[in-house]
C-alpha cells in the first residue's frame, strides 16, 4: 500500500517523519515512499524558517506521516536518498 487518507489510519499510531516545503520535494518523497511500498498519509504541517533578518517565520508545508513501526526505516530511506533537510527526528514529531 502507498498513500492513504488520514481517516484510514485514524486508529493506528502514526508519526511525522518529513515536512516538505516545496511541491517538487513533496513529489520526490511521495515517489520514494510509494516505490518502497510504505503506507503514508499527508497533512498540512507548517514549519519554521528564518527570514533574511534571522527572525523565525512560519511557512506552509506538507507533513508525511507513517505507521510508527516504519518510522526509523523511512527516515533512513529518506536520508540515504538525499531528502535530509525536512526529516523530523524521533522525539521531534
PDB file of N, CA and C in Angstrom:
ATOM      1  N   UNK A   1       0.844  -1.173   0.000  1.00  0.00           N
ATOM      2  CA  UNK A   1       0.000   0.000   0.000  1.00  0.00           C
ATOM      3  C   UNK A   1       0.890   1.236   0.000  1.00  0.00           C
ATOM      4  N   UNK A   2       0.390   2.336  -0.502  1.00  0.00           N
ATOM      5  CA  UNK A   2       1.129   3.601  -0.541  1.00  0.00           C
ATOM      6  C   UNK A   2       0.323   4.672   0.176  1.00  0.00           C
ATOM      7  N   UNK A   3      -0.019   5.737  -0.550  1.00  0.00           N
ATOM      8  CA  UNK A   3      -0.784   6.818   0.059  1.00  0.00           C
ATOM      9  C   UNK A   3      -2.154   6.322   0.509  1.00  0.00           C
ATOM     10  N   UNK A   4      -2.570   6.821   1.659  1.00  0.00           N
ATOM     11  CA  UNK A   4      -3.906   6.552   2.157  1.00  0.00           C
ATOM     12  C   UNK A   4      -4.436   7.808   2.836  1.00  0.00           C
ATOM     13  N   UNK A   5      -5.738   7.947   2.856  1.00  0.00           N
ATOM     14  CA  UNK A   5      -6.364   9.079   3.535  1.00  0.00           C
ATOM     15  C   UNK A   5      -6.073   9.009   5.038  1.00  0.00           C
ATOM     16  N   UNK A   6      -5.928  10.158   5.700  1.00  0.00           N
ATOM     17  CA  UNK A   6      -5.673  10.158   7.143  1.00  0.00           C
ATOM     18  C   UNK A   6      -6.710   9.358   7.934  1.00  0.00           C
ATOM     19  N   UNK A   7      -7.960   9.380   7.501  1.00  0.00           N
ATOM     20  CA  UNK A   7      -9.008   8.659   8.227  1.00  0.00           C
ATOM     21  C   UNK A   7      -8.776   7.148   8.230  1.00  0.00           C
ATOM     22  N   UNK A   8      -8.050   6.623   7.244  1.00  0.00           N
ATOM     23  CA  UNK A   8      -7.758   5.190   7.203  1.00  0.00           C
ATOM     24  C   UNK A   8      -6.732   4.771   8.253  1.00  0.00           C
ATOM     25  N   UNK A   9      -6.020   5.731   8.810  1.00  0.00           N
ATOM     26  CA  UNK A   9      -5.021   5.443   9.842  1.00  0.00           C
ATOM     27  C   UNK A   9      -5.439   6.000  11.201  1.00  0.00           C
ATOM     28  N   UNK A  10      -6.700   6.352  11.292  1.00  0.00           N
ATOM     29  CA  UNK A  10      -7.250   7.020  12.473  1.00  0.00           C
ATOM     30  C   UNK A  10      -7.004   6.264  13.782  1.00  0.00           C
ATOM     31  N   UNK A  11      -7.081   4.964  13.763  1.00  0.00           N
ATOM     32  CA  UNK A  11      -6.942   4.175  14.991  1.00  0.00           C
ATOM     33  C   UNK A  11      -5.582   3.493  15.088  1.00  0.00           C
ATOM     34  N   UNK A  12      -4.624   4.013  14.348  1.00  0.00           N
ATOM     35  CA  UNK A  12      -3.265   3.460  14.364  1.00  0.00           C
ATOM     36  C   UNK A  12      -2.308   4.552  14.820  1.00  0.00           C
ATOM     37  N   UNK A  13      -1.191   4.127  15.357  1.00  0.00           N
ATOM     38  CA  UNK A  13      -0.187   5.094  15.796  1.00  0.00           C
ATOM     39  C   UNK A  13       0.642   5.525  14.596  1.00  0.00           C
ATOM     40  N   UNK A  14       0.547   6.807  14.255  1.00  0.00           N
ATOM     41  CA  UNK A  14       1.338   7.341  13.149  1.00  0.00           C
ATOM     42  C   UNK A  14       2.260   8.426  13.672  1.00  0.00           C
ATOM     43  N   UNK A  15       3.384   8.627  12.969  1.00  0.00           N
ATOM     44  CA  UNK A  15       4.344   9.649  13.369  1.00  0.00           C
ATOM     45  C   UNK A  15       4.770  10.459  12.149  1.00  0.00           C
ATOM     46  N   UNK A  16       5.103  11.698  12.404  1.00  0.00           N
ATOM     47  CA  UNK A  16       5.603  12.606  11.387  1.00  0.00           C
ATOM     48  C   UNK A  16       7.061  12.283  11.117  1.00  0.00           C
ATOM     49  N   UNK A  17       7.393  12.037   9.844  1.00  0.00           N
ATOM     50  CA  UNK A  17       8.790  11.724   9.513  1.00  0.00           C
ATOM     51  C   UNK A  17       9.442  12.774   8.635  1.00  0.00           C
ATOM     52  N   UNK A  18       8.618  13.584   7.939  1.00  0.00           N
ATOM     53  CA  UNK A  18       9.188  14.522   6.985  1.00  0.00           C
ATOM     54  C   UNK A  18       8.229  15.681   6.754  1.00  0.00           C
ATOM     55  N   UNK A  19       8.784  16.882   6.592  1.00  0.00           N
ATOM     56  CA  UNK A  19       7.994  18.043   6.199  1.00  0.00           C
ATOM     57  C   UNK A  19       8.606  18.616   4.928  1.00  0.00           C
ATOM     58  N   UNK A  20       7.815  18.635   3.873  1.00  0.00           N
ATOM     59  CA  UNK A  20       8.259  19.192   2.596  1.00  0.00           C
ATOM     60  C   UNK A  20       7.767  20.624   2.473  1.00  0.00           C
ATOM     61  N   UNK A  21       8.653  21.501   2.051  1.00  0.00           N
ATOM     62  CA  UNK A  21       8.294  22.895   1.881  1.00  0.00           C
ATOM     63  C   UNK A  21       8.074  23.289   0.433  1.00  0.00           C
ATOM     64  N   UNK A  22       8.407  22.386  -0.501  1.00  0.00           N
ATOM     65  CA  UNK A  22       8.254  22.653  -1.931  1.00  0.00           C
ATOM     66  C   UNK A  22       7.487  21.503  -2.576  1.00  0.00           C
ATOM     67  N   UNK A  23       6.738  21.820  -3.603  1.00  0.00           N
ATOM     68  CA  UNK A  23       5.967  20.795  -4.316  1.00  0.00           C
ATOM     69  C   UNK A  23       6.891  19.740  -4.917  1.00  0.00           C
ATOM     70  N   UNK A  24       7.988  20.156  -5.523  1.00  0.00           N
ATOM     71  CA  UNK A  24       8.914  19.199  -6.145  1.00  0.00           C
ATOM     72  C   UNK A  24       9.504  18.249  -5.105  1.00  0.00           C
ATOM     73  N   UNK A  25       9.794  18.772  -3.950  1.00  0.00           N
ATOM     74  CA  UNK A  25      10.326  17.968  -2.854  1.00  0.00           C
ATOM     75  C   UNK A  25       9.272  16.949  -2.400  1.00  0.00           C
ATOM     76  N   UNK A  26       8.036  17.401  -2.237  1.00  0.00           N
ATOM     77  CA  UNK A  26       6.945  16.511  -1.818  1.00  0.00           C
ATOM     78  C   UNK A  26       6.731  15.398  -2.832  1.00  0.00           C
ATOM     79  N   UNK A  27       6.782  15.726  -4.108  1.00  0.00           N
ATOM     80  CA  UNK A  27       6.606  14.708  -5.150  1.00  0.00           C
ATOM     81  C   UNK A  27       7.715  13.674  -5.104  1.00  0.00           C
ATOM     82  N   UNK A  28       8.933  14.107  -4.839  1.00  0.00           N
ATOM     83  CA  UNK A  28      10.057  13.178  -4.725  1.00  0.00           C
ATOM     84  C   UNK A  28       9.909  12.233  -3.539  1.00  0.00           C
ATOM     85  N   UNK A  29       9.478  12.773  -2.410  1.00  0.00           N
ATOM     86  CA  UNK A  29       9.266  11.941  -1.218  1.00  0.00           C
ATOM     87  C   UNK A  29       8.121  10.965  -1.467  1.00  0.00           C
ATOM     88  N   UNK A  30       7.048  11.440  -2.085  1.00  0.00           N
ATOM     89  CA  UNK A  30       5.921  10.557  -2.417  1.00  0.00           C
ATOM     90  C   UNK A  30       6.375   9.397  -3.296  1.00  0.00           C
ATOM     91  N   UNK A  31       7.151   9.692  -4.320  1.00  0.00           N
ATOM     92  CA  UNK A  31       7.631   8.648  -5.230  1.00  0.00           C
ATOM     93  C   UNK A  31       8.507   7.642  -4.492  1.00  0.00           C
ATOM     94  N   UNK A  32       9.385   8.127  -3.643  1.00  0.00           N
ATOM     95  CA  UNK A  32      10.277   7.249  -2.893  1.00  0.00           C
ATOM     96  C   UNK A  32       9.495   6.327  -1.966  1.00  0.00           C
ATOM     97  N   UNK A  33       8.549   6.877  -1.213  1.00  0.00           N
ATOM     98  CA  UNK A  33       7.760   6.051  -0.292  1.00  0.00           C
ATOM     99  C   UNK A  33       6.888   5.060  -1.060  1.00  0.00           C
ATOM    100  N   UNK A  34       6.295   5.506  -2.158  1.00  0.00           N
ATOM    101  CA  UNK A  34       5.450   4.620  -2.967  1.00  0.00           C
ATOM    102  C   UNK A  34       6.277   3.491  -3.570  1.00  0.00           C
ATOM    103  N   UNK A  35       7.438   3.822  -4.127  1.00  0.00           N
ATOM    104  CA  UNK A  35       8.309   2.797  -4.727  1.00  0.00           C
ATOM    105  C   UNK A  35       8.752   1.755  -3.712  1.00  0.00           C
ATOM    106  N   UNK A  36       8.817   2.152  -2.441  1.00  0.00           N
ATOM    107  CA  UNK A  36       9.243   1.233  -1.387  1.00  0.00           C
ATOM    108  C   UNK A  36       8.068   0.669  -0.601  1.00  0.00           C
ATOM    109  N   UNK A  37       6.867   0.827  -1.157  1.00  0.00           N
ATOM    110  CA  UNK A  37       5.633   0.248  -0.613  1.00  0.00           C
ATOM    111  C   UNK A  37       5.362   0.617   0.840  1.00  0.00           C
ATOM    112  N   UNK A  38       5.625   1.869   1.160  1.00  0.00           N
ATOM    113  CA  UNK A  38       5.374   2.389   2.501  1.00  0.00           C
ATOM    114  C   UNK A  38       3.974   2.989   2.535  1.00  0.00           C
ATOM    115  N   UNK A  39       3.210   2.643   3.555  1.00  0.00           N
ATOM    116  CA  UNK A  39       1.903   3.260   3.758  1.00  0.00           C
ATOM    117  C   UNK A  39       2.121   4.593   4.455  1.00  0.00           C
ATOM    118  N   UNK A  40       1.621   5.666   3.843  1.00  0.00           N
ATOM    119  CA  UNK A  40       1.800   7.005   4.407  1.00  0.00           C
ATOM    120  C   UNK A  40       0.558   7.842   4.154  1.00  0.00           C
ATOM    121  N   UNK A  41       0.467   8.913   4.904  1.00  0.00           N
ATOM    122  CA  UNK A  41      -0.588   9.889   4.676  1.00  0.00           C
ATOM    123  C   UNK A  41       0.020  11.280   4.737  1.00  0.00           C
ATOM    124  N   UNK A  42      -0.699  12.232   4.212  1.00  0.00           N
ATOM    125  CA  UNK A  42      -0.231  13.614   4.156  1.00  0.00           C
ATOM    126  C   UNK A  42      -1.168  14.508   4.950  1.00  0.00           C
ATOM    127  N   UNK A  43      -0.587  15.501   5.619  1.00  0.00           N
ATOM    128  CA  UNK A  43      -1.376  16.502   6.335  1.00  0.00           C
ATOM    129  C   UNK A  43      -0.664  17.839   6.251  1.00  0.00           C
ATOM    130  N   UNK A  44      -1.451  18.901   6.250  1.00  0.00           N
ATOM    131  CA  UNK A  44      -0.886  20.248   6.286  1.00  0.00           C
ATOM    132  C   UNK A  44      -0.075  20.361   7.577  1.00  0.00           C
ATOM    133  N   UNK A  45       1.211  20.710   7.447  1.00  0.00           N
ATOM    134  CA  UNK A  45       2.095  20.802   8.598  1.00  0.00           C
ATOM    135  C   UNK A  45       3.015  22.006   8.416  1.00  0.00           C
ATOM    136  N   UNK A  46       2.749  23.107   9.098  1.00  0.00           N
ATOM    137  CA  UNK A  46       3.621  24.272   8.970  1.00  0.00           C
ATOM    138  C   UNK A  46       4.998  24.006   9.595  1.00  0.00           C
ATOM    139  N   UNK A  47       5.981  24.769   9.140  1.00  0.00           N
ATOM    140  CA  UNK A  47       7.328  24.642   9.696  1.00  0.00           C
ATOM    141  C   UNK A  47       7.935  26.024   9.838  1.00  0.00           C
ATOM    142  N   UNK A  48       8.994  26.130  10.616  1.00  0.00           N
ATOM    143  CA  UNK A  48       9.661  27.413  10.863  1.00  0.00           C
ATOM    144  C   UNK A  48      10.959  27.510  10.081  1.00  0.00           C
ATOM    145  N   UNK A  49      11.193  28.681   9.525  1.00  0.00           N
ATOM    146  CA  UNK A  49      12.457  29.019   8.867  1.00  0.00           C
ATOM    147  C   UNK A  49      12.813  30.428   9.299  1.00  0.00           C
ATOM    148  N   UNK A  50      14.050  30.804   9.122  1.00  0.00           N
ATOM    149  CA  UNK A  50      14.471  32.168   9.439  1.00  0.00           C
ATOM    150  C   UNK A  50      14.357  33.030   8.195  1.00  0.00           C
ATOM    151  N   UNK A  51      13.913  34.271   8.394  1.00  0.00           N
ATOM    152  CA  UNK A  51      13.863  35.212   7.274  1.00  0.00           C
ATOM    153  C   UNK A  51      15.249  35.836   7.094  1.00  0.00           C
ATOM    154  N   UNK A  52      15.350  36.820   6.221  1.00  0.00           N
ATOM    155  CA  UNK A  52      16.644  37.452   5.943  1.00  0.00           C
ATOM    156  C   UNK A  52      17.271  38.131   7.159  1.00  0.00           C
ATOM    157  N   UNK A  53      16.437  38.456   8.137  1.00  0.00           N
ATOM    158  CA  UNK A  53      16.920  39.136   9.329  1.00  0.00           C
ATOM    159  C   UNK A  53      17.086  38.194  10.514  1.00  0.00           C
ATOM    160  N   UNK A  54      16.953  36.902  10.253  1.00  0.00           N
ATOM    161  CA  UNK A  54      17.126  35.907  11.307  1.00  0.00           C
ATOM    162  C   UNK A  54      15.904  35.678  12.169  1.00  0.00           C
ATOM    163  N   UNK A  55      14.797  36.300  11.813  1.00  0.00           N
ATOM    164  CA  UNK A  55      13.562  36.130  12.578  1.00  0.00           C
ATOM    165  C   UNK A  55      12.826  34.878  12.093  1.00  0.00           C
ATOM    166  N   UNK A  56      12.304  34.079  13.017  1.00  0.00           N
ATOM    167  CA  UNK A  56      11.571  32.887  12.590  1.00  0.00           C
ATOM    168  C   UNK A  56      10.230  33.257  11.950  1.00  0.00           C
ATOM    169  N   UNK A  57       9.924  32.590  10.853  1.00  0.00           N
ATOM    170  CA  UNK A  57       8.626  32.771  10.205  1.00  0.00           C
ATOM    171  C   UNK A  57       8.034  31.393   9.953  1.00  0.00           C
ATOM    172  N   UNK A  58       6.722  31.315  10.058  1.00  0.00           N
ATOM    173  CA  UNK A  58       6.027  30.051   9.827  1.00  0.00           C
ATOM    174  C   UNK A  58       5.630  29.967   8.355  1.00  0.00           C
ATOM    175  N   UNK A  59       5.978  28.837   7.742  1.00  0.00           N
ATOM    176  CA  UNK A  59       5.669  28.612   6.332  1.00  0.00           C
ATOM    177  C   UNK A  59       4.793  27.381   6.184  1.00  0.00           C
ATOM    178  N   UNK A  60       3.994  27.326   5.118  1.00  0.00           N
ATOM    179  CA  UNK A  60       3.155  26.142   4.911  1.00  0.00           C
ATOM    180  C   UNK A  60       4.006  24.983   4.401  1.00  0.00           C
ATOM    181  N   UNK A  61       3.672  23.807   4.848  1.00  0.00           N
ATOM    182  CA  UNK A  61       4.369  22.610   4.393  1.00  0.00           C
ATOM    183  C   UNK A  61       3.413  21.430   4.376  1.00  0.00           C
ATOM    184  N   UNK A  62       3.900  20.332   3.836  1.00  0.00           N
ATOM    185  CA  UNK A  62       3.116  19.101   3.847  1.00  0.00           C
ATOM    186  C   UNK A  62       3.898  18.072   4.660  1.00  0.00           C
ATOM    187  N   UNK A  63       3.217  17.507   5.653  1.00  0.00           N
ATOM    188  CA  UNK A  63       3.840  16.514   6.515  1.00  0.00           C
ATOM    189  C   UNK A  63       3.546  15.109   6.032  1.00  0.00           C
ATOM    190  N   UNK A  64       4.561  14.278   6.055  1.00  0.00           N
ATOM    191  CA  UNK A  64       4.434  12.869   5.705  1.00  0.00           C
ATOM    192  C   UNK A  64       4.405  12.063   7.002  1.00  0.00           C
ATOM    193  N   UNK A  65       3.339  11.332   7.174  1.00  0.00           N
ATOM    194  CA  UNK A  65       3.130  10.529   8.378  1.00  0.00           C
ATOM    195  C   UNK A  65       3.087   9.062   7.990  1.00  0.00           C
ATOM    196  N   UNK A  66       3.761   8.225   8.785  1.00  0.00           N
ATOM    197  CA  UNK A  66       3.783   6.784   8.538  1.00  0.00           C
ATOM    198  C   UNK A  66       3.435   6.050   9.821  1.00  0.00           C
ATOM    199  N   UNK A  67       3.168   4.777   9.691  1.00  0.00           N
ATOM    200  CA  UNK A  67       2.938   3.948  10.870  1.00  0.00           C
ATOM    201  C   UNK A  67       4.193   3.971  11.730  1.00  0.00           C
ATOM    202  N   UNK A  68       4.027   4.036  13.028  1.00  0.00           N
ATOM    203  CA  UNK A  68       5.169   4.208  13.926  1.00  0.00           C
ATOM    204  C   UNK A  68       6.239   3.131  13.743  1.00  0.00           C
ATOM    205  N   UNK A  69       5.836   1.928  13.413  1.00  0.00           N
ATOM    206  CA  UNK A  69       6.802   0.844  13.214  1.00  0.00           C
ATOM    207  C   UNK A  69       7.662   1.008  11.973  1.00  0.00           C
ATOM    208  N   UNK A  70       7.272   1.879  11.057  1.00  0.00           N
ATOM    209  CA  UNK A  70       8.029   2.111   9.830  1.00  0.00           C
ATOM    210  C   UNK A  70       8.860   3.393   9.884  1.00  0.00           C
ATOM    211  N   UNK A  71       8.738   4.148  10.945  1.00  0.00           N
ATOM    212  CA  UNK A  71       9.351   5.480  11.015  1.00  0.00           C
ATOM    213  C   UNK A  71      10.867   5.454  10.853  1.00  0.00           C
ATOM    214  N   UNK A  72      11.545   4.612  11.595  1.00  0.00           N
ATOM    215  CA  UNK A  72      13.006   4.575  11.527  1.00  0.00           C
ATOM    216  C   UNK A  72      13.471   4.162  10.131  1.00  0.00           C
ATOM    217  N   UNK A  73      12.845   3.137   9.569  1.00  0.00           N
ATOM    218  CA  UNK A  73      13.167   2.688   8.220  1.00  0.00           C
ATOM    219  C   UNK A  73      12.984   3.829   7.221  1.00  0.00           C
ATOM    220  N   UNK A  74      11.876   4.550   7.327  1.00  0.00           N
ATOM    221  CA  UNK A  74      11.577   5.643   6.394  1.00  0.00           C
ATOM    222  C   UNK A  74      12.563   6.792   6.533  1.00  0.00           C
ATOM    223  N   UNK A  75      12.926   7.144   7.750  1.00  0.00           N
ATOM    224  CA  UNK A  75      13.912   8.213   7.940  1.00  0.00           C
ATOM    225  C   UNK A  75      15.250   7.831   7.320  1.00  0.00           C
ATOM    226  N   UNK A  76      15.661   6.583   7.507  1.00  0.00           N
ATOM    227  CA  UNK A  76      16.909   6.108   6.899  1.00  0.00           C
ATOM    228  C   UNK A  76      16.812   6.132   5.376  1.00  0.00           C
ATOM    229  N   UNK A  77      15.669   5.709   4.851  1.00  0.00           N
ATOM    230  CA  UNK A  77      15.430   5.707   3.412  1.00  0.00           C
ATOM    231  C   UNK A  77      15.504   7.126   2.851  1.00  0.00           C
ATOM    232  N   UNK A  78      14.851   8.066   3.507  1.00  0.00           N
ATOM    233  CA  UNK A  78      14.879   9.457   3.066  1.00  0.00           C
ATOM    234  C   UNK A  78      16.298  10.015   3.104  1.00  0.00           C
ATOM    235  N   UNK A  79      16.990   9.764   4.195  1.00  0.00           N
ATOM    236  CA  UNK A  79      18.345  10.275   4.354  1.00  0.00           C
ATOM    237  C   UNK A  79      19.269   9.735   3.265  1.00  0.00           C
ATOM    238  N   UNK A  80      19.182   8.456   3.000  1.00  0.00           N
ATOM    239  CA  UNK A  80      20.072   7.845   2.011  1.00  0.00           C
ATOM    240  C   UNK A  80      19.724   8.249   0.581  1.00  0.00           C
ATOM    241  N   UNK A  81      18.548   8.851   0.392  1.00  0.00           N
ATOM    242  CA  UNK A  81      18.143   9.324  -0.934  1.00  0.00           C
ATOM    243  C   UNK A  81      18.161  10.849  -1.020  1.00  0.00           C
ATOM    244  N   UNK A  82      18.957  11.463  -0.150  1.00  0.00           N
ATOM    245  CA  UNK A  82      19.236  12.900  -0.173  1.00  0.00           C
ATOM    246  C   UNK A  82      18.050  13.811   0.175  1.00  0.00           C
ATOM    247  N   UNK A  83      17.056  13.267   0.867  1.00  0.00           N
ATOM    248  CA  UNK A  83      15.967  14.086   1.421  1.00  0.00           C
ATOM    249  C   UNK A  83      16.281  14.283   2.895  1.00  0.00           C
ATOM    250  N   UNK A  84      17.165  15.225   3.190  1.00  0.00           N
ATOM    251  CA  UNK A  84      17.674  15.356   4.555  1.00  0.00           C
ATOM    252  C   UNK A  84      17.106  16.550   5.316  1.00  0.00           C
ATOM    253  N   UNK A  85      16.918  17.656   4.647  1.00  0.00           N
ATOM    254  CA  UNK A  85      16.534  18.900   5.324  1.00  0.00           C
ATOM    255  C   UNK A  85      15.203  18.770   6.061  1.00  0.00           C
ATOM    256  N   UNK A  86      14.239  18.077   5.478  1.00  0.00           N
ATOM    257  CA  UNK A  86      12.907  18.007   6.061  1.00  0.00           C
ATOM    258  C   UNK A  86      12.654  16.846   7.003  1.00  0.00           C
ATOM    259  N   UNK A  87      13.671  16.019   7.249  1.00  0.00           N
ATOM    260  CA  UNK A  87      13.460  14.875   8.138  1.00  0.00           C
ATOM    261  C   UNK A  87      13.146  15.362   9.553  1.00  0.00           C
ATOM    262  N   UNK A  88      12.122  14.784  10.126  1.00  0.00           N
ATOM    263  CA  UNK A  88      11.734  15.086  11.502  1.00  0.00           C
ATOM    264  C   UNK A  88      12.261  13.938  12.359  1.00  0.00           C
ATOM    265  N   UNK A  89      13.211  14.236  13.224  1.00  0.00           N
ATOM    266  CA  UNK A  89      13.851  13.217  14.053  1.00  0.00           C
ATOM    267  C   UNK A  89      12.883  12.654  15.085  1.00  0.00           C
ATOM    268  N   UNK A  90      13.166  11.457  15.508  1.00  0.00           N
ATOM    269  CA  UNK A  90      12.354  10.823  16.545  1.00  0.00           C
ATOM    270  C   UNK A  90      12.351  11.726  17.781  1.00  0.00           C
ATOM    271  N   UNK A  91      11.206  11.913  18.358  1.00  0.00           N
ATOM    272  CA  UNK A  91      11.062  12.776  19.520  1.00  0.00           C
ATOM    273  C   UNK A  91      10.740  14.223  19.186  1.00  0.00           C
ATOM    274  N   UNK A  92      10.887  14.600  17.909  1.00  0.00           N
ATOM    275  CA  UNK A  92      10.562  15.955  17.476  1.00  0.00           C
ATOM    276  C   UNK A  92       9.210  16.024  16.784  1.00  0.00           C
ATOM    277  N   UNK A  93       8.527  14.884  16.699  1.00  0.00           N
ATOM    278  CA  UNK A  93       7.264  14.818  15.961  1.00  0.00           C
ATOM    279  C   UNK A  93       6.283  15.765  16.528  1.00  0.00           C
TER     280      UNK A  93
END
